[in-house]
Protein backbone atom coordinates (compact mmCIF):
# COMPACT_ATOMS: atom_id res chain seq x y z
CA MET A 1 -5.02 -16.66 18.04
CA PRO A 2 -3.50 -17.30 14.75
CA SER A 3 -2.11 -20.56 13.75
CA ILE A 4 0.09 -21.43 11.13
CA LEU A 5 0.81 -25.51 9.52
CA ILE A 6 4.53 -26.18 9.42
CA ILE A 7 4.94 -29.14 6.55
CA ASP A 8 8.29 -30.34 7.31
CA ASP A 9 10.14 -33.54 6.97
CA ASN A 10 12.76 -32.91 9.66
CA ALA A 11 11.06 -33.01 13.46
CA SER A 12 13.83 -30.29 14.61
CA VAL A 13 12.08 -27.15 11.34
CA GLY A 14 8.89 -27.34 13.03
CA THR A 15 10.73 -27.59 16.35
CA ALA A 16 12.34 -24.48 16.33
CA LEU A 17 9.32 -22.78 13.59
CA ASP A 18 7.08 -23.76 17.44
CA VAL A 19 9.73 -22.41 19.81
CA LEU A 20 9.62 -19.51 17.57
CA PHE A 21 5.95 -18.23 16.47
CA SER A 22 4.68 -19.12 20.81
CA LEU A 23 7.28 -16.51 21.57
CA HIS A 24 4.93 -13.37 19.36
CA ASP A 25 1.44 -16.16 19.94
CA ILE A 26 1.37 -17.97 16.89
CA ASP A 27 0.00 -21.20 17.43
CA THR A 28 1.71 -24.11 15.72
CA LEU A 29 1.15 -27.26 13.78
CA HIS A 30 3.57 -29.99 12.46
CA ALA A 31 2.83 -32.31 9.53
CA LEU A 32 5.71 -34.40 8.63
CA SER A 33 4.85 -35.60 5.12
CA PRO A 34 2.46 -34.14 2.52
CA GLU A 35 -0.71 -36.31 3.03
CA GLN A 36 -0.13 -35.86 6.54
CA GLY A 37 -0.45 -31.60 5.65
CA LEU A 38 -3.07 -32.58 3.68
CA ALA A 39 -5.62 -34.13 5.98
CA LEU A 40 -4.78 -31.73 8.74
CA LEU A 41 -5.72 -28.61 6.33
CA GLU A 42 -9.11 -30.39 6.06
CA GLN A 43 -9.39 -31.24 10.28
CA GLN A 44 -8.93 -26.97 10.76
CA PRO A 45 -8.69 -24.18 9.77
CA VAL A 46 -5.10 -22.85 9.09
CA ASP A 47 -3.54 -19.12 8.25
CA LEU A 48 -1.46 -19.68 6.62
CA VAL A 49 1.42 -22.48 5.90
CA ILE A 50 5.05 -23.17 5.63
CA GLN A 51 6.20 -26.42 2.95
CA ASP A 52 9.11 -28.04 2.55
CA MET A 53 10.73 -28.44 -0.59
CA ASN A 54 12.11 -32.41 -0.49
CA PHE A 55 10.67 -35.31 1.76
CA THR A 56 12.07 -38.00 0.68
CA GLU A 57 15.67 -38.93 2.14
CA ASP A 58 18.56 -38.07 -0.37
CA THR A 59 16.29 -36.20 -2.80
CA THR A 60 16.41 -32.43 -3.89
CA SER A 61 14.91 -32.30 -7.10
CA GLY A 62 12.35 -29.89 -5.46
CA GLU A 63 9.30 -31.56 -7.44
CA GLU A 64 7.52 -33.21 -3.93
CA GLY A 65 7.29 -29.56 -2.71
CA GLU A 66 6.06 -28.23 -6.25
CA ALA A 67 3.35 -31.04 -6.12
CA LEU A 68 2.42 -30.14 -2.93
CA PHE A 69 2.09 -26.63 -3.05
CA GLN A 70 0.16 -27.27 -6.24
CA GLN A 71 -2.58 -29.74 -4.33
CA ILE A 72 -2.55 -26.87 -1.72
CA ARG A 73 -2.86 -24.29 -4.02
CA ALA A 74 -6.34 -26.31 -5.84
CA ARG A 75 -8.28 -26.83 -2.74
CA HIS A 76 -6.99 -23.92 -0.97
CA PRO A 77 -6.49 -20.50 -3.13
CA ASP A 78 -6.91 -17.89 -0.22
CA LEU A 79 -4.18 -19.62 1.61
CA PRO A 80 -0.62 -17.73 1.74
CA VAL A 81 2.61 -20.22 1.91
CA ILE A 82 5.84 -20.00 2.87
CA LEU A 83 8.69 -21.77 0.93
CA LEU A 84 11.54 -23.29 2.47
CA THR A 85 14.23 -24.39 0.48
CA ALA A 86 17.54 -24.53 -0.09
CA TRP A 87 19.42 -21.83 -2.18
CA THR A 88 20.41 -24.71 -4.84
CA HIS A 89 16.04 -24.77 -5.72
CA LEU A 90 16.05 -20.76 -5.62
CA SER A 91 14.91 -20.86 -9.31
CA SER A 92 11.74 -23.29 -8.51
CA ALA A 93 11.09 -21.70 -5.34
CA VAL A 94 10.62 -18.52 -7.79
CA ASP A 95 8.76 -19.66 -10.48
CA LEU A 96 6.23 -21.00 -7.23
CA VAL A 97 5.85 -17.80 -6.49
CA LYS A 98 5.07 -16.82 -9.91
CA ALA A 99 3.09 -19.47 -9.27
CA GLY A 100 1.30 -17.90 -6.25
CA ALA A 101 2.90 -18.63 -3.48
CA ALA A 102 3.67 -15.45 -1.42
CA ASP A 103 6.94 -16.11 -0.31
CA TYR A 104 10.65 -18.18 -0.17
CA LEU A 105 13.41 -18.01 2.60
CA ALA A 106 16.42 -20.36 1.88
CA LYS A 107 17.30 -22.88 5.02
CA PRO A 108 18.95 -21.85 7.09
CA TRP A 109 16.51 -18.71 8.03
CA ASP A 110 16.35 -15.96 9.23
CA ASP A 111 13.98 -15.82 12.05
CA ARG A 112 13.81 -10.96 11.87
CA LYS A 113 13.02 -11.94 7.97
CA LEU A 114 10.38 -15.11 8.82
CA LEU A 115 8.70 -13.17 11.86
CA ILE A 116 8.00 -9.70 9.29
CA THR A 117 6.79 -11.94 6.10
CA VAL A 118 4.45 -14.36 8.72
CA ASN A 119 3.14 -11.08 10.27
CA ASN A 120 2.70 -8.96 7.21
CA LEU A 121 0.90 -12.40 5.18
CA LEU A 122 -0.74 -12.87 8.52
CA GLU A 123 -2.60 -8.99 8.85
CA LEU A 124 -3.42 -9.42 5.80
CA SER A 125 -5.25 -11.99 5.51
CA GLU A 126 -7.22 -11.05 9.08
CA THR A 127 -7.88 -7.83 5.90
CA ARG A 128 -8.75 -10.37 3.84
CA ARG A 129 -11.43 -12.11 5.76
CA GLU A 130 -12.57 -8.54 7.25
CA LEU A 131 -13.40 -7.53 3.75
CA ASP A 132 -15.59 -10.82 3.46
CA ARG A 133 -16.95 -10.84 6.11
CA ARG A 134 -18.08 -6.57 5.77
CA ARG A 135 -19.35 -7.84 2.18
CA ASP A 136 -21.14 -10.14 2.72
CA ARG A 137 -22.50 -8.18 5.86
CA GLU A 138 -23.94 -6.18 2.86
CA GLN A 139 -24.54 -8.01 0.18
CA ARG A 140 -27.63 -9.58 2.97
CA ASP A 141 -28.09 -5.73 3.60
CA ARG A 142 -29.25 -4.94 0.18
CA SER A 143 -31.50 -8.43 -0.33
CA ALA A 144 -32.56 -7.68 2.67
CA LEU A 145 -33.65 -3.97 1.02
CA GLU A 146 -34.17 -5.27 -1.76
CA ALA A 147 -36.95 -7.38 -0.59
CA ARG A 148 -38.86 -5.10 1.55
CA TYR A 149 -38.79 -2.43 -1.25
CA ASP A 150 -39.32 -1.30 -4.74
CA LEU A 151 -36.11 0.08 -5.64
CA ARG A 152 -37.40 0.30 -9.33
CA GLY A 153 -34.83 -1.14 -11.00
CA ALA A 154 -31.94 1.31 -9.69
CA VAL A 155 -28.52 -0.30 -8.44
CA VAL A 156 -27.45 0.43 -5.35
CA ALA A 157 -23.65 -1.80 -4.90
CA ASP A 158 -21.82 0.95 -2.64
CA PRO A 159 -22.59 0.79 0.84
CA ALA A 160 -22.45 5.48 0.46
CA SER A 161 -25.58 5.05 -2.07
CA GLU A 162 -27.14 2.20 -0.05
CA ARG A 163 -27.44 4.15 2.50
CA VAL A 164 -29.19 7.47 1.01
CA VAL A 165 -31.99 4.29 -1.02
CA ASN A 166 -32.28 2.94 2.47
CA LEU A 167 -33.18 5.89 3.81
CA ALA A 168 -35.76 6.86 0.86
CA CYS A 169 -37.33 4.40 1.47
CA GLN A 170 -37.71 4.90 5.66
CA VAL A 171 -39.45 8.25 5.12
CA ALA A 172 -41.25 7.43 1.93
CA ARG A 173 -45.02 6.55 4.56
CA SER A 174 -44.88 9.81 5.61
CA ALA A 175 -46.44 12.37 3.75
CA LEU A 176 -43.54 14.64 4.84
CA PRO A 177 -41.44 17.52 2.27
CA VAL A 178 -38.32 15.29 0.56
CA LEU A 179 -34.95 17.63 -0.55
CA ILE A 180 -32.27 15.44 -2.23
CA THR A 181 -29.22 16.84 -2.76
CA GLY A 182 -25.94 16.00 -4.98
CA PRO A 183 -24.42 16.76 -7.52
CA ASN A 184 -26.18 16.52 -11.59
CA GLY A 185 -26.31 13.53 -13.04
CA ALA A 186 -26.13 11.63 -9.73
CA GLY A 187 -29.38 10.30 -10.08
CA LYS A 188 -31.24 12.64 -8.08
CA GLU A 189 -34.79 11.85 -10.01
CA LYS A 190 -34.54 8.04 -9.09
CA ILE A 191 -34.57 8.46 -5.89
CA ALA A 192 -37.12 10.02 -5.93
CA GLU A 193 -39.17 7.82 -8.37
CA ILE A 194 -37.95 5.38 -5.47
CA ILE A 195 -39.16 7.17 -2.26
CA GLN A 196 -43.13 7.46 -4.52
CA ALA A 197 -43.04 3.26 -5.57
CA ASN A 198 -43.11 3.67 -1.87
CA SER A 199 -45.29 5.44 -0.62
CA LEU A 200 -49.36 5.66 0.91
CA VAL A 201 -49.77 7.65 -2.39
CA ALA A 202 -47.79 4.82 -4.92
CA LYS A 203 -50.63 4.54 -7.46
CA GLY A 204 -51.27 7.92 -7.74
CA PRO A 205 -49.01 9.75 -10.59
CA PHE A 206 -45.88 10.57 -10.88
CA VAL A 207 -44.73 14.10 -12.00
CA ALA A 208 -41.70 15.75 -12.93
CA LEU A 209 -40.84 19.30 -13.53
CA ASN A 210 -37.24 20.76 -14.19
CA CYS A 211 -37.26 24.18 -13.22
CA GLY A 212 -34.58 25.10 -14.42
CA ALA A 213 -35.59 24.11 -18.20
CA ILE A 214 -38.71 26.50 -17.98
CA PRO A 215 -38.13 29.81 -18.85
CA SER A 216 -39.13 31.69 -15.28
CA GLU A 217 -41.91 33.67 -16.83
CA LEU A 218 -43.31 30.09 -17.24
CA ILE A 219 -42.71 29.03 -14.48
CA GLU A 220 -45.68 29.53 -12.07
CA ALA A 221 -48.05 28.50 -15.09
CA GLU A 222 -46.33 25.20 -15.78
CA LEU A 223 -46.36 24.97 -11.25
CA PHE A 224 -50.58 26.22 -11.05
CA GLY A 225 -51.90 25.94 -14.63
CA ALA A 226 -53.24 28.81 -16.28
CA GLU A 227 -57.23 30.20 -17.75
CA ALA A 228 -56.94 31.28 -21.39
CA GLY A 229 -55.51 35.09 -22.36
CA ALA A 230 -53.58 34.96 -19.41
CA TYR A 231 -50.18 35.13 -20.56
CA THR A 232 -49.61 35.62 -24.49
CA GLY A 233 -50.02 32.77 -26.53
CA ALA A 234 -51.77 31.42 -23.97
CA ASN A 235 -54.77 30.45 -26.35
CA LYS A 236 -57.12 27.84 -23.95
CA ALA A 237 -56.76 27.20 -20.11
CA ARG A 238 -54.78 24.60 -18.82
CA GLU A 239 -53.57 22.63 -15.38
CA GLY A 240 -50.26 22.78 -13.96
CA LYS A 241 -48.29 20.12 -12.70
CA PHE A 242 -49.77 20.38 -9.13
CA GLU A 243 -53.10 19.58 -10.37
CA ALA A 244 -51.72 16.96 -12.37
CA ALA A 245 -49.90 15.55 -9.25
CA ASP A 246 -53.56 15.73 -7.27
CA GLY A 247 -53.20 12.15 -4.83
CA GLY A 248 -49.85 11.29 -5.79
CA THR A 249 -46.28 12.79 -5.93
CA LEU A 250 -44.66 16.62 -7.52
CA PHE A 251 -40.48 16.17 -8.33
CA LEU A 252 -39.54 20.04 -9.17
CA ASP A 253 -36.06 19.46 -10.07
CA GLU A 254 -33.60 21.78 -10.15
CA ILE A 255 -35.95 23.95 -6.82
CA GLY A 256 -33.07 26.67 -6.83
CA ASN A 257 -33.68 27.80 -10.26
CA LEU A 258 -37.41 28.92 -8.91
CA SER A 259 -38.30 32.55 -9.22
CA ALA A 260 -39.00 34.50 -6.27
CA SER A 261 -42.30 34.59 -6.94
CA GLY A 262 -43.51 31.45 -8.16
CA GLN A 263 -41.06 30.78 -4.48
CA MET A 264 -44.12 32.55 -2.74
CA LYS A 265 -47.17 30.63 -4.39
CA LEU A 266 -44.72 26.62 -3.66
CA LEU A 267 -44.78 27.86 0.43
CA ARG A 268 -48.40 28.80 0.03
CA VAL A 269 -49.09 25.46 -1.69
CA LEU A 270 -47.25 23.60 0.62
CA GLU A 271 -48.65 25.33 3.95
CA THR A 272 -51.99 25.33 2.51
CA GLY A 273 -53.26 22.31 -0.09
CA ARG A 274 -54.27 25.61 -1.54
CA PHE A 275 -53.67 27.45 -5.13
CA GLU A 276 -54.55 29.74 -8.05
CA ARG A 277 -54.29 29.39 -11.86
CA LEU A 278 -52.51 32.50 -13.47
CA GLY A 279 -55.04 34.42 -14.42
CA SER A 280 -58.33 33.07 -12.34
CA ASN A 281 -59.56 34.06 -8.26
CA ARG A 282 -61.11 30.39 -8.35
CA GLU A 283 -58.53 28.42 -5.71
CA ARG A 284 -58.12 25.39 -6.15
CA GLN A 285 -57.18 22.01 -3.75
CA VAL A 286 -54.75 19.38 -4.24
CA LYS A 287 -52.87 17.17 -1.72
CA VAL A 288 -49.71 16.07 -3.63
CA ARG A 289 -46.96 14.45 -2.07
CA VAL A 290 -43.37 17.25 -3.21
CA ILE A 291 -39.86 15.78 -3.52
CA SER A 292 -37.66 18.10 -5.15
CA ALA A 293 -34.27 18.34 -5.36
CA THR A 294 -30.64 20.80 -6.18
CA ASN A 295 -27.83 20.29 -6.37
CA ALA A 296 -27.25 24.00 -5.90
CA ASP A 297 -25.73 25.46 -2.40
CA LEU A 298 -29.62 26.80 -1.27
CA PRO A 299 -28.55 28.20 1.96
CA THR A 300 -25.45 30.23 0.46
CA MET A 301 -28.80 31.24 -1.79
CA ILE A 302 -30.42 32.13 1.01
CA ARG A 303 -27.75 34.54 2.40
CA ASP A 304 -27.60 35.95 -0.65
CA GLY A 305 -31.63 37.05 -0.26
CA GLN A 306 -31.80 34.71 -3.86
CA PHE A 307 -33.86 31.86 -2.14
CA ARG A 308 -36.42 31.75 0.40
CA GLU A 309 -35.19 30.57 4.52
CA ASP A 310 -39.22 29.21 4.85
CA LEU A 311 -39.33 27.72 1.71
CA TYR A 312 -36.35 26.15 2.70
CA TYR A 313 -37.16 24.56 5.57
CA ARG A 314 -41.36 23.19 3.80
CA LEU A 315 -38.58 21.83 0.98
CA ASN A 316 -36.17 20.20 4.17
CA THR A 317 -37.95 18.43 6.12
CA VAL A 318 -36.33 15.19 4.86
CA GLU A 319 -32.89 15.68 2.98
CA LEU A 320 -31.44 12.96 0.97
CA ALA A 321 -27.58 13.95 0.40
CA LEU A 322 -26.50 12.01 -2.21
CA PRO A 323 -22.95 11.77 -3.67
CA ALA A 324 -21.21 11.84 -6.79
CA LEU A 325 -20.47 8.11 -8.77
CA ALA A 326 -17.16 9.17 -7.57
CA ASP A 327 -17.17 9.12 -4.09
CA ARG A 328 -19.47 5.38 -4.34
CA PRO A 329 -17.27 4.01 -6.77
CA GLY A 330 -18.80 0.18 -6.12
CA ASP A 331 -21.37 1.40 -8.19
CA ILE A 332 -19.96 2.14 -11.38
CA LEU A 333 -19.61 -1.19 -13.01
CA PRO A 334 -22.77 -2.41 -11.90
CA LEU A 335 -24.41 0.63 -13.66
CA ALA A 336 -21.56 -0.32 -15.83
CA GLU A 337 -23.01 -3.26 -17.21
CA ARG A 338 -27.01 -2.58 -16.70
CA PHE A 339 -26.50 0.09 -19.30
CA LEU A 340 -25.07 -2.41 -21.39
CA ASP A 341 -28.27 -3.84 -23.23
CA THR A 342 -26.08 -5.49 -25.83
CA GLY A 343 -24.87 -7.97 -23.75
CA LYS A 344 -21.57 -7.56 -24.93
CA PRO A 345 -19.35 -7.51 -21.89
CA LEU A 346 -16.74 -5.00 -20.81
CA SER A 347 -12.29 -6.09 -20.93
CA THR A 348 -10.57 -6.20 -18.14
CA ALA A 349 -8.35 -2.63 -19.20
CA ALA A 350 -11.95 -1.15 -19.92
CA ALA A 351 -13.01 -2.11 -16.42
CA THR A 352 -10.47 -0.86 -14.79
CA ALA A 353 -10.41 2.81 -16.99
CA LEU A 354 -13.84 3.20 -15.63
CA GLN A 355 -12.89 3.25 -12.13
CA ARG A 356 -10.06 5.06 -12.91
CA HIS A 357 -12.19 7.76 -13.80
CA ALA A 358 -13.41 11.25 -12.23
CA TRP A 359 -16.83 11.09 -13.40
CA PRO A 360 -17.14 14.52 -13.33
CA GLY A 361 -21.07 14.09 -15.65
CA ASN A 362 -21.91 10.98 -12.88
CA VAL A 363 -24.30 8.14 -14.26
CA ARG A 364 -24.88 10.78 -17.03
CA GLU A 365 -21.91 9.91 -18.36
CA LEU A 366 -20.84 6.48 -17.73
CA LEU A 367 -24.34 6.15 -19.38
CA ASN A 368 -23.79 8.17 -22.60
CA ARG A 369 -20.05 6.42 -22.53
CA VAL A 370 -20.53 2.47 -21.96
CA GLN A 371 -23.98 2.82 -24.91
CA ARG A 372 -21.37 4.52 -27.28
CA ALA A 373 -19.16 2.17 -26.61
CA ALA A 374 -21.42 -0.66 -26.90
CA ILE A 375 -21.43 1.20 -30.41
CA VAL A 376 -18.93 1.30 -32.22
CA SER A 377 -17.28 -1.47 -30.73
CA ASP A 378 -16.19 -3.78 -33.42
CA ALA A 379 -14.92 -6.53 -30.94
CA GLU A 380 -16.39 -9.36 -28.39
CA LEU A 381 -14.55 -7.51 -25.88
CA ILE A 382 -15.54 -3.76 -24.48
CA THR A 383 -12.02 -2.09 -24.78
CA ALA A 384 -10.62 0.36 -22.48
CA ALA A 385 -10.03 2.56 -26.22
CA ASP A 386 -14.06 2.31 -26.96
CA LEU A 387 -14.67 4.11 -23.56
CA GLU A 388 -12.30 7.34 -24.79
CA LEU A 389 -11.52 8.36 -21.41
CA SER A 390 -9.08 9.95 -22.74
CA GLN A 391 -8.29 12.68 -19.25
CA PRO A 392 -8.78 9.37 -16.15
CA LEU A 393 -9.26 11.90 -13.37
CA LEU A 394 -8.39 10.29 -9.46
CA PRO A 395 -11.18 12.00 -7.44
CA ILE A 396 -9.54 12.77 -4.32
CA THR A 397 -11.24 12.62 -1.20
CA ALA A 398 -7.94 14.38 0.94
CA HIS A 399 -6.95 16.80 0.33
CA GLY A 400 -3.71 19.28 0.97
CA LEU A 401 -0.74 17.50 0.71
CA HIS A 402 -2.14 14.25 2.20
CA GLY A 403 -4.47 14.32 -0.52
CA ALA A 404 -2.18 14.68 -3.16
CA LYS A 405 0.44 11.89 -1.90
CA GLN A 406 -2.15 9.80 -1.60
CA VAL A 407 -3.08 10.62 -6.17
CA ALA A 408 0.61 10.37 -6.59
CA GLU A 409 1.02 6.97 -4.67
CA ARG A 410 -2.29 4.99 -5.98
CA GLU A 411 -0.73 6.33 -10.00
CA THR A 412 2.52 5.12 -9.03
CA LEU A 413 0.90 1.54 -7.70
CA LEU A 414 -1.22 1.35 -11.69
CA HIS A 415 1.74 2.00 -13.92
CA ALA A 416 4.30 -0.25 -12.23
CA LEU A 417 0.63 -2.75 -12.52
CA ARG A 418 0.09 -1.82 -16.51
CA GLN A 419 3.58 -2.30 -17.51
CA ASN A 420 4.23 -5.75 -15.93
CA ASP A 421 0.54 -7.04 -16.94
CA PHE A 422 -1.03 -6.71 -13.88
CA ASN A 423 1.08 -9.39 -12.26
CA ILE A 424 1.44 -9.31 -8.54
CA THR A 425 4.56 -10.64 -9.01
CA ALA A 426 7.01 -8.48 -11.37
CA CYS A 427 5.35 -5.54 -10.11
CA ALA A 428 6.63 -5.55 -6.83
CA ARG A 429 9.59 -6.44 -8.81
CA HIS A 430 9.36 -3.35 -10.70
CA MET A 431 8.29 -1.28 -7.07
CA GLN A 432 10.74 -2.99 -5.07
CA VAL A 433 8.71 -3.70 -2.27
CA SER A 434 7.00 -7.06 -1.46
CA ARG A 435 3.88 -9.15 -2.62
CA VAL A 436 2.67 -7.98 0.24
CA THR A 437 3.03 -4.85 0.78
CA VAL A 438 1.59 -5.13 -3.83
CA TYR A 439 -1.58 -6.55 -2.05
CA ARG A 440 -2.10 -3.92 1.29
CA LEU A 441 -1.48 -0.44 -1.30
CA CYS A 442 -4.15 -2.56 -3.93
CA ARG A 443 -6.51 -2.81 -1.27
CA LYS A 444 -5.91 0.87 0.50
CA HIS A 445 -6.90 2.67 -3.52
CA GLN A 446 -9.90 -0.07 -3.66
CA LEU A 447 -8.73 -1.67 -6.71
CA ALA A 448 -9.87 -4.70 -8.09
CA LEU A 449 -7.97 -7.00 -6.90
CA PRO A 450 -10.31 -10.00 -8.72
CA GLU A 451 -8.80 -8.79 -12.38
CA LEU A 452 -5.44 -9.17 -9.95
CA ARG A 453 -2.91 -12.44 -10.84
């Protein structure tokens, strides 16, 4: 049951509020003085404080209430405080709301309005506590993951990326082929490195080949090697990637670009561990863990006759789907800070701009933007202008009309926040809603609340 501390020198006020809240399953404590209220706060936790502005008889300045609020704010910065005030002290209450008070109500108060305000604040407090608990759990899980496995310096700050990395570490000890899917630049090779580092062949070689960067007529020579004279320009024998990776891991990126002949030969190697160099009749035996990656839709390619179905199931014993950077927003700022090797920090506006951008180029684009900004910036902080994010597109995770409404709502909120220098009270007044609504919308759209005030 939630609890509220009432600090008011009038005992009848405490009684009236106790009766009102008890009818709605809210527990109350009552203190008759600021000193008693502060002592109760130290003795037991409460979810909300309702305080008067004057405590000494014939005193109407509101200075006592202001001093009490400042002490509560200093000792319990996240505890919501509602001010009870006479209309003659409205300006003082407004100033305190600007300083962080949750709301103010005039005496005599309206029971219905008070209950709405209290319930909104209690709901917000519970949401904040649940968010803190979830963050604590996630941090403990990440710490355990980092302690148990070699993550090769990967940034794992978002639950979506954590799930992929956790599964990668779990399958690393097996010899099963792994297929990593995801958009270009999302970090698929880093996942492959993590698998290799935690595998039974961690001390063996890690060889990477981008199948999309090699001409189709040369890809087989790259994979399997070639004898001298096997093709034009082959002046001497050369080993392929499979031989180079013997006893370790071979990472084949953009596997969807492999030719039909190359697909057939790759399937045979996966099934038998044996292959022949181009221009040779001698079979060679290797033991290689194959990890492949693609941004292509392989099932569609299979239906179109562009990719072998039997090879697909050989490669796809375990599939790891790595989300786009926009779908793991918790990674954006930690990655940006990792890329800033100059030590130059991001401004608040730059951090906001990074979080708002859609990142069609994923981690690779983020690296480019941040490192370029660090070079061109002459200031002590990297500004939003330094990043040159001219089209801060917002990722739409919902579809249709609902998704459009969510994007419009987020844009409206961000516009109001920027117009009012990210001041919550001013933003609420601008949008003609309560502070509680602004906080709720900020959490709904995953805006960085520590930057707001």
